[in-house]
Amino acid sequence: MREAYDVIYAPVITEKSSGQMESSNIYTFIVNKDANKIEIGQAIEKLWDVTVKDVRTMRYSGKTKRS
C-alpha cells in the first residue's frame, strides 16, 4: 500500500467546493490517478483522523491552451 501523502496531493479550493464544504461536508481533493477508492478513503482517514462515509471519483482532462 502507498503512503497517504503519495495518494492525496492537494485539496481543491474553488467557490463550488467551498460551498460544498460548508453546506454538505463534502471535500474535494486532487489524488494520484492510479489510486482506487479504498486507498483514497484510507489515506484521508489516516491524515485527518476522520471517518470517511463515501468516496466519489472523477477523471477529467485539462483544458487545451491556445497559442
PDB file of N, CA and C in Angstrom:
ATOM      1  N   MET A   1       0.840  -1.185   0.000  1.00  0.00           N
ATOM      2  CA  MET A   1       0.000   0.000   0.000  1.00  0.00           C
ATOM      3  C   MET A   1       0.884   1.247   0.000  1.00  0.00           C
ATOM      4  N   ARG A   2       0.413   2.273  -0.627  1.00  0.00           N
ATOM      5  CA  ARG A   2       1.146   3.537  -0.711  1.00  0.00           C
ATOM      6  C   ARG A   2       0.983   4.354   0.561  1.00  0.00           C
ATOM      7  N   GLU A   3       1.909   5.275   0.750  1.00  0.00           N
ATOM      8  CA  GLU A   3       1.793   6.217   1.859  1.00  0.00           C
ATOM      9  C   GLU A   3       0.646   7.186   1.567  1.00  0.00           C
ATOM     10  N   ALA A   4       0.083   7.755   2.620  1.00  0.00           N
ATOM     11  CA  ALA A   4      -1.063   8.655   2.461  1.00  0.00           C
ATOM     12  C   ALA A   4      -0.707   9.880   1.629  1.00  0.00           C
ATOM     13  N   TYR A   5       0.514  10.387   1.799  1.00  0.00           N
ATOM     14  CA  TYR A   5       0.916  11.578   1.045  1.00  0.00           C
ATOM     15  C   TYR A   5       1.203  11.264  -0.422  1.00  0.00           C
ATOM     16  N   ASP A   6       1.373   9.982  -0.766  1.00  0.00           N
ATOM     17  CA  ASP A   6       1.534   9.594  -2.163  1.00  0.00           C
ATOM     18  C   ASP A   6       0.185   9.476  -2.867  1.00  0.00           C
ATOM     19  N   VAL A   7      -0.887   9.357  -2.101  1.00  0.00           N
ATOM     20  CA  VAL A   7      -2.235   9.212  -2.666  1.00  0.00           C
ATOM     21  C   VAL A   7      -2.917  10.572  -2.785  1.00  0.00           C
ATOM     22  N   ILE A   8      -2.900  11.362  -1.714  1.00  0.00           N
ATOM     23  CA  ILE A   8      -3.565  12.666  -1.675  1.00  0.00           C
ATOM     24  C   ILE A   8      -2.541  13.744  -2.002  1.00  0.00           C
ATOM     25  N   TYR A   9      -2.793  14.522  -3.052  1.00  0.00           N
ATOM     26  CA  TYR A   9      -1.867  15.586  -3.437  1.00  0.00           C
ATOM     27  C   TYR A   9      -2.244  16.926  -2.813  1.00  0.00           C
ATOM     28  N   ALA A  10      -3.477  17.379  -3.012  1.00  0.00           N
ATOM     29  CA  ALA A  10      -3.867  18.708  -2.538  1.00  0.00           C
ATOM     30  C   ALA A  10      -5.384  18.831  -2.530  1.00  0.00           C
ATOM     31  N   PRO A  11      -5.923  19.710  -1.672  1.00  0.00           N
ATOM     32  CA  PRO A  11      -7.355  19.989  -1.742  1.00  0.00           C
ATOM     33  C   PRO A  11      -7.656  20.921  -2.909  1.00  0.00           C
ATOM     34  N   VAL A  12      -8.871  20.841  -3.407  1.00  0.00           N
ATOM     35  CA  VAL A  12      -9.323  21.740  -4.470  1.00  0.00           C
ATOM     36  C   VAL A  12     -10.051  22.897  -3.800  1.00  0.00           C
ATOM     37  N   ILE A  13      -9.553  24.108  -4.012  1.00  0.00           N
ATOM     38  CA  ILE A  13     -10.150  25.296  -3.398  1.00  0.00           C
ATOM     39  C   ILE A  13     -10.806  26.125  -4.501  1.00  0.00           C
ATOM     40  N   THR A  14     -12.096  25.951  -4.669  1.00  0.00           N
ATOM     41  CA  THR A  14     -12.871  26.733  -5.627  1.00  0.00           C
ATOM     42  C   THR A  14     -14.138  27.216  -4.920  1.00  0.00           C
ATOM     43  N   GLU A  15     -14.873  28.064  -5.582  1.00  0.00           N
ATOM     44  CA  GLU A  15     -16.116  28.560  -4.997  1.00  0.00           C
ATOM     45  C   GLU A  15     -17.111  27.415  -4.796  1.00  0.00           C
ATOM     46  N   LYS A  16     -17.194  26.524  -5.756  1.00  0.00           N
ATOM     47  CA  LYS A  16     -18.128  25.404  -5.663  1.00  0.00           C
ATOM     48  C   LYS A  16     -17.725  24.443  -4.545  1.00  0.00           C
ATOM     49  N   SER A  17     -16.437  24.092  -4.470  1.00  0.00           N
ATOM     50  CA  SER A  17     -16.006  23.147  -3.441  1.00  0.00           C
ATOM     51  C   SER A  17     -16.113  23.763  -2.045  1.00  0.00           C
ATOM     52  N   SER A  18     -15.891  25.066  -1.920  1.00  0.00           N
ATOM     53  CA  SER A  18     -16.043  25.734  -0.624  1.00  0.00           C
ATOM     54  C   SER A  18     -17.499  25.702  -0.170  1.00  0.00           C
ATOM     55  N   GLY A  19     -18.415  25.884  -1.094  1.00  0.00           N
ATOM     56  CA  GLY A  19     -19.835  25.800  -0.767  1.00  0.00           C
ATOM     57  C   GLY A  19     -20.242  24.409  -0.321  1.00  0.00           C
ATOM     58  N   GLN A  20     -19.686  23.388  -0.964  1.00  0.00           N
ATOM     59  CA  GLN A  20     -19.986  22.009  -0.575  1.00  0.00           C
ATOM     60  C   GLN A  20     -19.408  21.680   0.794  1.00  0.00           C
ATOM     61  N   MET A  21     -18.249  22.244   1.115  1.00  0.00           N
ATOM     62  CA  MET A  21     -17.656  22.020   2.434  1.00  0.00           C
ATOM     63  C   MET A  21     -18.555  22.571   3.529  1.00  0.00           C
ATOM     64  N   GLU A  22     -19.080  23.764   3.322  1.00  0.00           N
ATOM     65  CA  GLU A  22     -19.892  24.414   4.343  1.00  0.00           C
ATOM     66  C   GLU A  22     -21.268  23.781   4.484  1.00  0.00           C
ATOM     67  N   SER A  23     -21.910  23.463   3.371  1.00  0.00           N
ATOM     68  CA  SER A  23     -23.294  23.003   3.441  1.00  0.00           C
ATOM     69  C   SER A  23     -23.431  21.496   3.622  1.00  0.00           C
ATOM     70  N   SER A  24     -22.572  20.707   2.978  1.00  0.00           N
ATOM     71  CA  SER A  24     -22.787  19.261   2.958  1.00  0.00           C
ATOM     72  C   SER A  24     -21.636  18.441   3.527  1.00  0.00           C
ATOM     73  N   ASN A  25     -20.586  19.086   4.015  1.00  0.00           N
ATOM     74  CA  ASN A  25     -19.390  18.379   4.491  1.00  0.00           C
ATOM     75  C   ASN A  25     -18.798  17.471   3.422  1.00  0.00           C
ATOM     76  N   ILE A  26     -18.775  17.953   2.190  1.00  0.00           N
ATOM     77  CA  ILE A  26     -18.163  17.234   1.070  1.00  0.00           C
ATOM     78  C   ILE A  26     -16.850  17.933   0.747  1.00  0.00           C
ATOM     79  N   TYR A  27     -15.763  17.164   0.716  1.00  0.00           N
ATOM     80  CA  TYR A  27     -14.435  17.724   0.475  1.00  0.00           C
ATOM     81  C   TYR A  27     -13.892  17.191  -0.837  1.00  0.00           C
ATOM     82  N   THR A  28     -13.132  18.017  -1.542  1.00  0.00           N
ATOM     83  CA  THR A  28     -12.626  17.687  -2.869  1.00  0.00           C
ATOM     84  C   THR A  28     -11.106  17.725  -2.843  1.00  0.00           C
ATOM     85  N   PHE A  29     -10.478  16.671  -3.392  1.00  0.00           N
ATOM     86  CA  PHE A  29      -9.025  16.567  -3.394  1.00  0.00           C
ATOM     87  C   PHE A  29      -8.522  16.172  -4.770  1.00  0.00           C
ATOM     88  N   ILE A  30      -7.294  16.569  -5.065  1.00  0.00           N
ATOM     89  CA  ILE A  30      -6.578  16.052  -6.226  1.00  0.00           C
ATOM     90  C   ILE A  30      -5.799  14.845  -5.726  1.00  0.00           C
ATOM     91  N   VAL A  31      -5.982  13.705  -6.370  1.00  0.00           N
ATOM     92  CA  VAL A  31      -5.346  12.469  -5.915  1.00  0.00           C
ATOM     93  C   VAL A  31      -4.543  11.830  -7.041  1.00  0.00           C
ATOM     94  N   ASN A  32      -3.751  10.848  -6.682  1.00  0.00           N
ATOM     95  CA  ASN A  32      -2.977  10.076  -7.645  1.00  0.00           C
ATOM     96  C   ASN A  32      -3.939   9.379  -8.599  1.00  0.00           C
ATOM     97  N   LYS A  33      -3.660   9.441  -9.892  1.00  0.00           N
ATOM     98  CA  LYS A  33      -4.596   8.867 -10.864  1.00  0.00           C
ATOM     99  C   LYS A  33      -4.648   7.346 -10.804  1.00  0.00           C
ATOM    100  N   ASP A  34      -3.659   6.707 -10.195  1.00  0.00           N
ATOM    101  CA  ASP A  34      -3.657   5.251 -10.078  1.00  0.00           C
ATOM    102  C   ASP A  34      -4.290   4.761  -8.778  1.00  0.00           C
ATOM    103  N   ALA A  35      -4.675   5.668  -7.888  1.00  0.00           N
ATOM    104  CA  ALA A  35      -5.257   5.293  -6.600  1.00  0.00           C
ATOM    105  C   ALA A  35      -6.710   4.871  -6.791  1.00  0.00           C
ATOM    106  N   ASN A  36      -7.111   3.849  -6.029  1.00  0.00           N
ATOM    107  CA  ASN A  36      -8.511   3.430  -6.085  1.00  0.00           C
ATOM    108  C   ASN A  36      -9.279   4.032  -4.902  1.00  0.00           C
ATOM    109  N   LYS A  37     -10.583   3.792  -4.850  1.00  0.00           N
ATOM    110  CA  LYS A  37     -11.422   4.414  -3.836  1.00  0.00           C
ATOM    111  C   LYS A  37     -11.038   3.980  -2.427  1.00  0.00           C
ATOM    112  N   ILE A  38     -10.651   2.736  -2.270  1.00  0.00           N
ATOM    113  CA  ILE A  38     -10.274   2.233  -0.951  1.00  0.00           C
ATOM    114  C   ILE A  38      -9.017   2.942  -0.454  1.00  0.00           C
ATOM    115  N   GLU A  39      -8.020   3.076  -1.313  1.00  0.00           N
ATOM    116  CA  GLU A  39      -6.783   3.764  -0.932  1.00  0.00           C
ATOM    117  C   GLU A  39      -7.038   5.234  -0.604  1.00  0.00           C
ATOM    118  N   ILE A  40      -7.898   5.883  -1.370  1.00  0.00           N
ATOM    119  CA  ILE A  40      -8.215   7.292  -1.119  1.00  0.00           C
ATOM    120  C   ILE A  40      -8.889   7.446   0.242  1.00  0.00           C
ATOM    121  N   GLY A  41      -9.862   6.606   0.524  1.00  0.00           N
ATOM    122  CA  GLY A  41     -10.560   6.672   1.808  1.00  0.00           C
ATOM    123  C   GLY A  41      -9.635   6.414   2.984  1.00  0.00           C
ATOM    124  N   GLN A  42      -8.769   5.416   2.869  1.00  0.00           N
ATOM    125  CA  GLN A  42      -7.836   5.101   3.952  1.00  0.00           C
ATOM    126  C   GLN A  42      -6.831   6.224   4.165  1.00  0.00           C
ATOM    127  N   ALA A  43      -6.378   6.854   3.081  1.00  0.00           N
ATOM    128  CA  ALA A  43      -5.417   7.953   3.199  1.00  0.00           C
ATOM    129  C   ALA A  43      -6.043   9.151   3.908  1.00  0.00           C
ATOM    130  N   ILE A  44      -7.284   9.479   3.579  1.00  0.00           N
ATOM    131  CA  ILE A  44      -7.963  10.606   4.225  1.00  0.00           C
ATOM    132  C   ILE A  44      -8.191  10.311   5.703  1.00  0.00           C
ATOM    133  N   GLU A  45      -8.595   9.085   6.024  1.00  0.00           N
ATOM    134  CA  GLU A  45      -8.793   8.717   7.423  1.00  0.00           C
ATOM    135  C   GLU A  45      -7.490   8.804   8.212  1.00  0.00           C
ATOM    136  N   LYS A  46      -6.390   8.410   7.598  1.00  0.00           N
ATOM    137  CA  LYS A  46      -5.095   8.438   8.278  1.00  0.00           C
ATOM    138  C   LYS A  46      -4.586   9.866   8.464  1.00  0.00           C
ATOM    139  N   LEU A  47      -4.722  10.708   7.441  1.00  0.00           N
ATOM    140  CA  LEU A  47      -4.185  12.065   7.511  1.00  0.00           C
ATOM    141  C   LEU A  47      -4.971  12.969   8.455  1.00  0.00           C
ATOM    142  N   TRP A  48      -6.286  12.885   8.441  1.00  0.00           N
ATOM    143  CA  TRP A  48      -7.105  13.824   9.202  1.00  0.00           C
ATOM    144  C   TRP A  48      -7.861  13.198  10.364  1.00  0.00           C
ATOM    145  N   ASP A  49      -7.668  11.915  10.626  1.00  0.00           N
ATOM    146  CA  ASP A  49      -8.295  11.229  11.757  1.00  0.00           C
ATOM    147  C   ASP A  49      -9.815  11.428  11.762  1.00  0.00           C
ATOM    148  N   VAL A  50     -10.427  11.115  10.632  1.00  0.00           N
ATOM    149  CA  VAL A  50     -11.879  11.210  10.472  1.00  0.00           C
ATOM    150  C   VAL A  50     -12.398   9.880   9.941  1.00  0.00           C
ATOM    151  N   THR A  51     -13.701   9.719   9.938  1.00  0.00           N
ATOM    152  CA  THR A  51     -14.327   8.544   9.343  1.00  0.00           C
ATOM    153  C   THR A  51     -14.890   8.941   7.989  1.00  0.00           C
ATOM    154  N   VAL A  52     -14.475   8.234   6.954  1.00  0.00           N
ATOM    155  CA  VAL A  52     -14.936   8.524   5.595  1.00  0.00           C
ATOM    156  C   VAL A  52     -16.210   7.733   5.343  1.00  0.00           C
ATOM    157  N   LYS A  53     -17.250   8.435   4.942  1.00  0.00           N
ATOM    158  CA  LYS A  53     -18.535   7.796   4.673  1.00  0.00           C
ATOM    159  C   LYS A  53     -18.615   7.285   3.242  1.00  0.00           C
ATOM    160  N   ASP A  54     -18.104   8.084   2.285  1.00  0.00           N
ATOM    161  CA  ASP A  54     -18.245   7.745   0.871  1.00  0.00           C
ATOM    162  C   ASP A  54     -17.113   8.394   0.089  1.00  0.00           C
ATOM    163  N   VAL A  55     -16.666   7.717  -0.968  1.00  0.00           N
ATOM    164  CA  VAL A  55     -15.637   8.267  -1.848  1.00  0.00           C
ATOM    165  C   VAL A  55     -16.188   8.261  -3.262  1.00  0.00           C
ATOM    166  N   ARG A  56     -16.172   9.417  -3.891  1.00  0.00           N
ATOM    167  CA  ARG A  56     -16.582   9.532  -5.295  1.00  0.00           C
ATOM    168  C   ARG A  56     -15.387  10.025  -6.090  1.00  0.00           C
ATOM    169  N   THR A  57     -15.164   9.434  -7.248  1.00  0.00           N
ATOM    170  CA  THR A  57     -14.025   9.835  -8.074  1.00  0.00           C
ATOM    171  C   THR A  57     -14.505  10.339  -9.423  1.00  0.00           C
ATOM    172  N   MET A  58     -13.669  11.167 -10.034  1.00  0.00           N
ATOM    173  CA  MET A  58     -13.985  11.705 -11.347  1.00  0.00           C
ATOM    174  C   MET A  58     -12.679  11.918 -12.088  1.00  0.00           C
ATOM    175  N   ARG A  59     -12.623  11.480 -13.317  1.00  0.00           N
ATOM    176  CA  ARG A  59     -11.458  11.708 -14.160  1.00  0.00           C
ATOM    177  C   ARG A  59     -11.813  12.763 -15.182  1.00  0.00           C
ATOM    178  N   TYR A  60     -10.929  13.714 -15.364  1.00  0.00           N
ATOM    179  CA  TYR A  60     -11.159  14.727 -16.382  1.00  0.00           C
ATOM    180  C   TYR A  60      -9.827  15.159 -16.956  1.00  0.00           C
ATOM    181  N   SER A  61      -9.866  15.610 -18.189  1.00  0.00           N
ATOM    182  CA  SER A  61      -8.650  16.097 -18.833  1.00  0.00           C
ATOM    183  C   SER A  61      -8.618  17.618 -18.740  1.00  0.00           C
ATOM    184  N   GLY A  62      -7.425  18.162 -18.727  1.00  0.00           N
ATOM    185  CA  GLY A  62      -7.261  19.605 -18.612  1.00  0.00           C
ATOM    186  C   GLY A  62      -7.664  20.327 -19.878  1.00  0.00           C
ATOM    187  N   LYS A  63      -7.795  21.622 -19.755  1.00  0.00           N
ATOM    188  CA  LYS A  63      -8.157  22.437 -20.908  1.00  0.00           C
ATOM    189  C   LYS A  63      -6.944  22.616 -21.812  1.00  0.00           C
ATOM    190  N   THR A  64      -7.189  22.702 -23.103  1.00  0.00           N
ATOM    191  CA  THR A  64      -6.094  22.941 -24.035  1.00  0.00           C
ATOM    192  C   THR A  64      -5.820  24.438 -24.133  1.00  0.00           C
ATOM    193  N   LYS A  65      -4.557  24.775 -24.264  1.00  0.00           N
ATOM    194  CA  LYS A  65      -4.169  26.180 -24.372  1.00  0.00           C
ATOM    195  C   LYS A  65      -4.105  26.592 -25.830  1.00  0.00           C
ATOM    196  N   ARG A  66      -4.551  27.792 -26.091  1.00  0.00           N
ATOM    197  CA  ARG A  66      -4.419  28.353 -27.433  1.00  0.00           C
ATOM    198  C   ARG A  66      -3.078  29.060 -27.541  1.00  0.00           C
ATOM    199  N   SER A  67      -2.462  28.942 -28.683  1.00  0.00           N
ATOM    200  CA  SER A  67      -1.164  29.612 -28.835  1.00  0.00           C
ATOM    201  C   SER A  67      -1.270  30.890 -29.634  1.00  0.00           C
TER     202      SER A  67
END
